[in-house]
Protein backbone atom coordinates (compact mmCIF):
# COMPACT_ATOMS: atom_id res chain seq x y z
CA MET A 1 254.81 154.24 164.16
CA ARG A 2 252.27 155.41 161.74
CA THR A 3 253.67 157.65 158.68
CA ARG A 4 252.87 159.20 155.71
CA PHE A 5 253.80 160.53 152.35
CA ALA A 6 251.57 163.55 150.89
CA PRO A 7 251.85 164.60 147.88
CA SER A 8 249.76 166.96 146.19
CA PRO A 9 248.46 166.20 142.50
CA ASN A 10 250.02 169.69 140.42
CA GLY A 11 252.27 167.64 138.80
CA TYR A 12 254.60 164.57 138.14
CA LEU A 13 256.92 163.59 140.88
CA HIS A 14 260.54 164.36 140.73
CA ALA A 15 263.52 162.49 142.48
CA GLY A 16 262.80 164.78 145.63
CA HIS A 17 259.71 163.20 146.36
CA ALA A 18 260.90 159.56 145.66
CA PHE A 19 263.61 159.98 148.55
CA SER A 20 260.82 161.65 150.69
CA ALA A 21 258.85 158.39 149.76
CA LEU A 22 261.21 156.13 149.97
CA THR A 23 262.45 157.34 153.02
CA VAL A 24 258.38 157.13 154.53
CA TRP A 25 259.04 153.95 153.90
CA ASN A 26 262.29 152.70 155.00
CA ALA A 27 261.53 154.52 158.38
CA ALA A 28 257.66 152.81 159.05
CA ALA A 29 259.49 148.88 157.88
CA LYS A 30 262.52 149.59 160.08
CA ALA A 31 260.23 149.90 163.03
CA GLY A 32 257.62 147.36 161.93
CA GLY A 33 255.30 150.23 161.09
CA GLU A 34 252.95 151.39 158.89
CA ALA A 35 253.35 154.53 155.72
CA LEU A 36 249.77 156.04 154.16
CA LEU A 37 249.82 157.60 151.18
CA ARG A 38 247.60 160.76 150.37
CA LEU A 39 246.69 162.81 148.39
CA ASP A 40 246.75 166.79 149.35
CA ASP A 41 244.71 168.74 146.72
CA ILE A 42 242.51 170.81 148.24
CA ASP A 43 243.67 173.36 145.46
CA GLN A 44 241.13 171.60 142.55
CA SER A 45 243.02 174.79 140.49
CA ARG A 46 246.03 173.14 140.32
CA ALA A 47 245.16 169.44 141.03
CA ARG A 48 244.65 166.75 137.83
CA THR A 49 243.42 162.89 137.27
CA ASP A 50 246.70 162.27 135.50
CA PHE A 51 249.31 163.20 137.62
CA GLU A 52 247.30 161.73 140.58
CA ALA A 53 247.32 158.48 138.44
CA ALA A 54 251.05 159.26 137.29
CA ILE A 55 251.88 159.12 141.60
CA TYR A 56 250.13 156.08 141.89
CA ASP A 57 252.14 154.77 139.28
CA ASP A 58 255.52 156.48 140.32
CA LEU A 59 255.26 154.93 144.00
CA ALA A 60 254.25 151.14 142.31
CA TRP A 61 257.69 151.87 140.41
CA LEU A 62 259.84 152.51 143.06
CA GLY A 63 258.34 149.16 144.85
CA LEU A 64 256.40 150.76 147.85
CA THR A 65 252.54 149.58 148.86
CA TRP A 66 250.26 151.15 150.69
CA PRO A 67 246.46 151.04 152.19
CA HIS A 68 243.50 151.78 150.47
CA PRO A 69 241.56 154.13 150.71
CA VAL A 70 243.60 156.89 150.22
CA ARG A 71 242.12 160.03 151.95
CA ARG A 72 241.87 162.69 149.93
CA GLN A 73 241.74 166.64 150.82
CA SER A 74 239.21 167.61 148.41
CA ASP A 75 236.86 164.98 150.01
CA HIS A 76 237.21 166.20 154.14
CA MET A 77 237.04 170.36 153.02
CA ASP A 78 234.00 170.42 156.37
CA ALA A 79 236.12 168.85 158.51
CA TYR A 80 238.53 171.91 157.72
CA ASP A 81 236.12 174.20 157.58
CA GLY A 82 235.36 172.98 161.54
CA ALA A 83 238.94 173.19 162.77
CA LEU A 84 238.61 176.92 161.12
CA THR A 85 235.41 177.05 163.26
CA ALA A 86 236.38 175.86 166.56
CA LEU A 87 240.07 178.22 165.89
CA SER A 88 237.46 181.36 165.26
CA GLU A 89 235.48 180.47 168.17
CA MET A 90 238.71 180.87 170.30
CA GLY A 91 239.44 184.43 168.72
CA VAL A 92 242.93 183.78 167.25
CA THR A 93 241.94 184.39 163.59
CA TYR A 94 241.05 187.18 161.66
CA PRO A 95 240.09 188.17 157.86
CA CYS A 96 243.16 189.45 155.91
CA PHE A 97 241.90 190.90 153.10
CA CYS A 98 245.74 191.80 151.25
CA THR A 99 246.26 190.32 147.85
CA ARG A 100 249.80 189.24 146.29
CA LYS A 101 249.90 193.05 145.33
CA THR A 102 249.20 194.76 148.46
CA LEU A 103 251.25 192.63 150.90
CA ARG A 104 253.35 194.03 153.29
CA LEU A 105 256.32 191.55 154.39
CA ASN A 106 258.45 192.90 157.14
CA LYS A 107 262.29 192.92 157.72
CA ASN A 108 262.64 188.95 158.14
CA GLY A 109 259.93 187.99 154.86
CA HIS A 110 256.98 187.93 157.05
CA TYR A 111 253.93 189.19 156.91
CA SER A 112 253.52 192.75 158.64
CA GLY A 113 249.88 191.99 160.30
CA THR A 114 248.05 195.07 158.52
CA CYS A 115 244.79 193.81 158.62
CA ARG A 116 245.12 192.42 162.01
CA SER A 117 243.43 195.35 163.73
CA LEU A 118 240.92 196.42 161.09
CA SER A 119 237.26 197.77 162.82
CA GLU A 120 234.03 195.47 162.11
CA ALA A 121 232.99 199.07 160.14
CA GLU A 122 236.20 198.73 157.47
CA LYS A 123 235.75 194.86 157.32
CA ASP A 124 232.50 195.41 156.98
CA LYS A 125 232.91 198.22 154.25
CA ARG A 126 235.55 195.79 151.99
CA ARG A 127 232.76 192.63 152.10
CA ALA A 128 230.36 195.62 151.61
CA ARG A 129 232.93 196.26 148.14
CA GLY A 130 233.07 192.86 146.98
CA GLU A 131 236.73 191.77 149.05
CA THR A 132 237.00 188.34 149.60
CA PRO A 133 239.32 187.30 152.58
CA SER A 134 241.43 184.94 153.37
CA ILE A 135 241.85 184.20 157.00
CA ARG A 136 244.43 184.29 159.29
CA LEU A 137 246.04 182.59 162.80
CA HIS A 138 246.73 186.01 164.82
CA ALA A 139 249.65 183.81 166.51
CA SER A 140 250.74 186.25 169.15
CA ARG A 141 246.96 185.55 170.80
CA ALA A 142 246.82 182.04 169.97
CA LEU A 143 250.25 181.71 172.13
CA SER A 144 248.64 183.72 175.01
CA LEU A 145 246.06 180.92 175.24
CA LEU A 146 248.20 177.74 176.09
CA GLU A 147 249.40 178.50 179.89
CA HIS A 148 253.16 177.47 178.31
CA PRO A 149 254.69 177.04 174.63
CA PRO A 150 253.45 173.62 173.18
CA ARG A 151 257.12 171.82 171.96
CA TYR A 152 257.57 168.86 169.86
CA GLU A 153 260.30 166.28 169.36
CA ASP A 154 261.85 166.40 166.08
CA THR A 155 264.13 163.75 166.27
CA SER A 156 266.70 164.17 168.19
CA ALA A 157 265.36 167.40 170.04
CA ALA A 158 262.89 169.34 171.47
CA VAL A 159 261.73 172.36 170.12
CA SER A 160 259.91 174.99 172.02
CA CYS A 161 257.11 177.07 170.04
CA ALA A 162 258.70 180.07 171.74
CA GLN A 163 261.98 180.00 169.88
CA ALA A 164 261.55 182.09 167.22
CA PRO A 165 258.75 184.69 166.78
CA LEU A 166 255.20 182.71 165.11
CA GLU A 167 254.14 184.43 161.19
CA ASP A 168 250.36 185.27 161.71
CA ALA A 169 249.28 182.28 158.42
CA ILE A 170 247.28 181.85 155.87
CA LEU A 171 244.71 179.05 157.76
CA ALA A 172 241.99 179.83 155.23
CA ARG A 173 242.96 180.93 151.51
CA ARG A 174 240.13 182.98 150.10
CA ASP A 175 239.94 180.56 146.66
CA ILE A 176 239.37 177.29 148.57
CA GLY A 177 238.85 177.89 152.22
CA SER A 178 241.17 175.86 154.41
CA SER A 179 244.81 175.39 153.68
CA TYR A 180 248.15 173.24 153.75
CA LEU A 181 248.92 175.05 157.42
CA LEU A 182 245.75 173.90 158.29
CA SER A 183 244.53 170.74 156.73
CA CYS A 184 247.54 168.33 157.30
CA VAL A 185 246.74 169.28 161.49
CA VAL A 186 243.58 167.86 160.86
CA ASP A 187 244.39 165.20 157.78
CA ASP A 188 247.62 164.21 160.68
CA ALA A 189 245.20 163.80 163.30
CA ALA A 190 242.43 161.77 161.61
CA GLN A 191 244.79 159.51 160.51
CA ASP A 192 246.32 159.08 163.79
CA ILE A 193 249.69 160.09 162.67
CA THR A 194 252.54 159.34 165.07
CA HIS A 195 255.32 160.25 163.00
CA VAL A 196 255.95 163.08 160.49
CA ILE A 197 258.64 162.22 157.31
CA ARG A 198 259.27 165.38 155.34
CA GLY A 199 261.77 167.78 153.87
CA ARG A 200 263.70 170.03 155.55
CA ASP A 201 261.46 173.05 153.50
CA ILE A 202 258.60 172.63 155.84
CA GLN A 203 260.31 172.69 159.19
CA PRO A 204 259.21 176.60 159.25
CA LEU A 205 255.83 175.25 159.33
CA THR A 206 256.22 173.04 162.38
CA SER A 207 255.99 175.34 164.95
CA LEU A 208 252.38 176.57 163.34
CA GLN A 209 251.18 173.41 163.41
CA VAL A 210 252.39 172.26 166.72
CA LEU A 211 250.19 175.28 167.66
CA LEU A 212 247.26 174.61 165.94
CA GLN A 213 247.05 170.96 167.64
CA ALA A 214 247.45 172.27 171.05
CA LEU A 215 244.72 174.59 170.31
CA LEU A 216 242.44 172.18 169.18
CA GLY A 217 243.34 169.44 171.60
CA LEU A 218 245.06 167.10 168.37
CA PRO A 219 248.18 164.98 169.05
CA THR A 220 251.26 166.09 168.41
CA PRO A 221 253.38 163.20 166.18
CA VAL A 222 257.60 163.75 165.99
CA TYR A 223 258.72 164.98 163.49
CA HIS A 224 261.89 164.44 161.52
CA HIS A 225 263.00 166.64 158.85
CA HIS A 226 264.92 165.17 155.99
CA THR A 227 267.42 166.16 153.86
CA LEU A 228 266.88 167.55 150.13
CA ILE A 229 267.89 166.26 146.97
CA THR A 230 269.15 169.12 144.69
CA ASP A 231 270.14 169.93 141.22
CA ASP A 232 273.74 171.23 140.02
CA ALA A 233 272.92 174.46 141.07
CA GLN A 234 272.19 173.29 144.59
CA GLN A 235 268.91 173.43 144.52
CA LYS A 236 265.87 171.63 145.64
CA LEU A 237 264.06 169.71 142.87
CA SER A 238 260.66 171.82 142.66
CA LYS A 239 257.70 170.62 139.76
CA SER A 240 257.53 174.89 139.35
CA LYS A 241 260.96 174.84 138.44
CA GLY A 242 260.78 172.38 135.50
CA SER A 243 263.11 169.54 137.54
CA GLN A 244 263.11 166.63 135.70
CA SER A 245 260.01 163.90 136.58
CA ILE A 246 260.32 160.26 137.93
CA GLN A 247 257.77 159.50 134.67
CA GLU A 248 261.18 161.50 132.72
CA LEU A 249 263.86 159.37 133.71
CA ARG A 250 261.83 156.12 133.07
CA ALA A 251 261.24 157.20 129.70
CA GLY A 252 264.94 157.91 129.54
CA GLY A 253 265.84 154.27 130.45
CA VAL A 254 266.73 154.30 134.17
CA SER A 255 265.32 151.51 136.64
CA ALA A 256 263.41 151.90 139.64
CA GLU A 257 266.72 150.34 141.30
CA GLN A 258 268.87 152.59 139.61
CA LEU A 259 267.01 155.41 140.90
CA LYS A 260 266.87 154.63 144.00
CA ALA A 261 271.00 153.80 144.22
CA LEU A 262 271.40 157.13 143.58
CA LEU A 263 269.65 157.68 146.42
CA ALA A 264 270.76 155.75 148.73
CA PHE A 265 268.49 153.23 148.90
CA GLY A 266 270.18 150.42 146.63
């Protein structure tokens, strides 16, 4: 087993991150495998050195160690651009000029495909106006290139990527040039990850990532989506919602052993 914990240095880790990290390291230890730390820092507008330092510090405080050097996404933008170019050459991408203000979603809350059928003339016109597009996956066209819908193992069951409609997700944000969806696929292959262990909130992206793996000829890991740590309102912990950080817990006198016991790792 070779697995990873991949936080973003755009805020301080909270108890939910601790649970995920401990789940990753515990699984690797039981299997006699290896757990890696990776920094998902493609969004350099939000990444901060103090948050990165706190990640290292909090994980060490939990008693976790990892191989060095640590892979940083911001050092591998060329690899993501190469994967995006390969997908574009297959004809499974298209530019999307929708902004958050103009974005239209279908009844399932997915992108409605507004820009999917834009003519080349219209694309050129919008670029000439200074509009910078994001790049989306043409999911149905991508599936049509494969002889069979790709499948993946999610701990106890095999899942087919054809079991639910796939969204035309963003592969490259207009301000970054990549996205979590694409970068994660490239990173996992580059690091020979055999098992992806992460929260259930990411599970909806898995079929899309497995589809990208099939298109790019990359191996598909085994997936495990663990339960989420929630607050008193049964909402998952979140940096954006100001959930109490590990740094704050430590400052309040909570020990690593106490936190691990609270998370059922005592």
